[in-house]
Structures are given as structure tokens and as C-alpha cells.
Amino acid sequence: MKKIIKNIKQLYRVYDKTLIVYFIKYLFNKSWPPYGLIFYVTSRCNSRCIMCFNWKLLNKDLQNELTLDEIDKFTKKIGRLKSVGLGGGEPSLRSELPDIVDLFVKNNNVSLVFIAFNSLLPDKIAEQVEKILKRQPNLNLKIGLSLDGVDGVHDKARGIEGNFEKF
């Protein structure tokens, strides 16, 4: 038990205190909801990132992506969540992205959504973010825009010539 307490104290010094307190409470009270979920909304992607863990799977089996109805059923089954991260592939390529956010808010009482974009489609990203915020004005929406360096450094990392200019 002393070792566990020592490890918790070490974690408490390093990590976000809110997350650690939540995790400890969850360990001892399984009725608490999980803190969050990372949800893969699409395997479609318009980049060829050198660091991507699944680039060989991207843009394949698109007919096997979950439909909006399937996502609705899934979100109804998993219960309450504090947060959800939406990723893929490139989330902006999923036209129903605002609808997916709506489902997590409605069915899981999510208050924080994080979406990471590769920044190749800035107009589409802006349009989707605007829709999400209009529909969910109380949502804490965090947007990540991938930037790996300037000019050629970013282009090389993302595998798309001229990518940096679109940022």
C-alpha cells in the first residue's frame, strides 16, 4: 500500500491534478464514468504522414466505416463520458462530423471534445467547427492543427508538397 501511495504522489506532481483525482476516484468507485474516449471517425485521409501509425490502412474499407445510426447506437450503450477525442484519418473528411459531436453530447453528456485536423482543408474545417459551435454553444471544443515545422519540414513530415502554405 505504501508503494501505491508513493506512486500516486509521484504522478500527482507530474500530471494534471484533475485527471489524477478523477482516475483515483474511478479506481475505487467503478460507477464513475470513464474520463474520456478517443473515437476514430474515419479512415479517409488526404495526408501521407511519415509518423502515422496506420497509413497503410488509410483510405481502405471505407464501406466499413460506422454509419451515423451505428454511432448513435454505440454512444447510447457506453454511458456517460467527460470528454471525447475525434480522430482518424482526417476528421474533416467525414461530412457528418458535427452530427457525431451532437451524438456524443446528447447520449454521453460530453462537455469536452478535442478534434485534431491536418489543416489541408481550412475552409472545410472552419465550416464544420462553426456548425459544431452553433449547435453546441456550451461545449468546450478544442481544436488541434497539425504543424511539424516550417515550409519543407512540415511538407516532408505530412507527405504533401505545399501543405505548409495551406496552414
Foldseek 3Di string as FASTA:
>chain_A
DVVVVVVLVVCCVPDDVVQSVLVVVCVVPVVDAEAEEEEAQALEADWQAPPDPPSVCRPPPRVPGDDLVRLLVVLLPREAYAEYEYHHRALLVPVCSLVSVVSCCVRHVYQEYEYEGQQQCVVSVVVSVVSNCVVPVRHHYHYHHDDQDAQPRRCRRRVHHPSRVSD
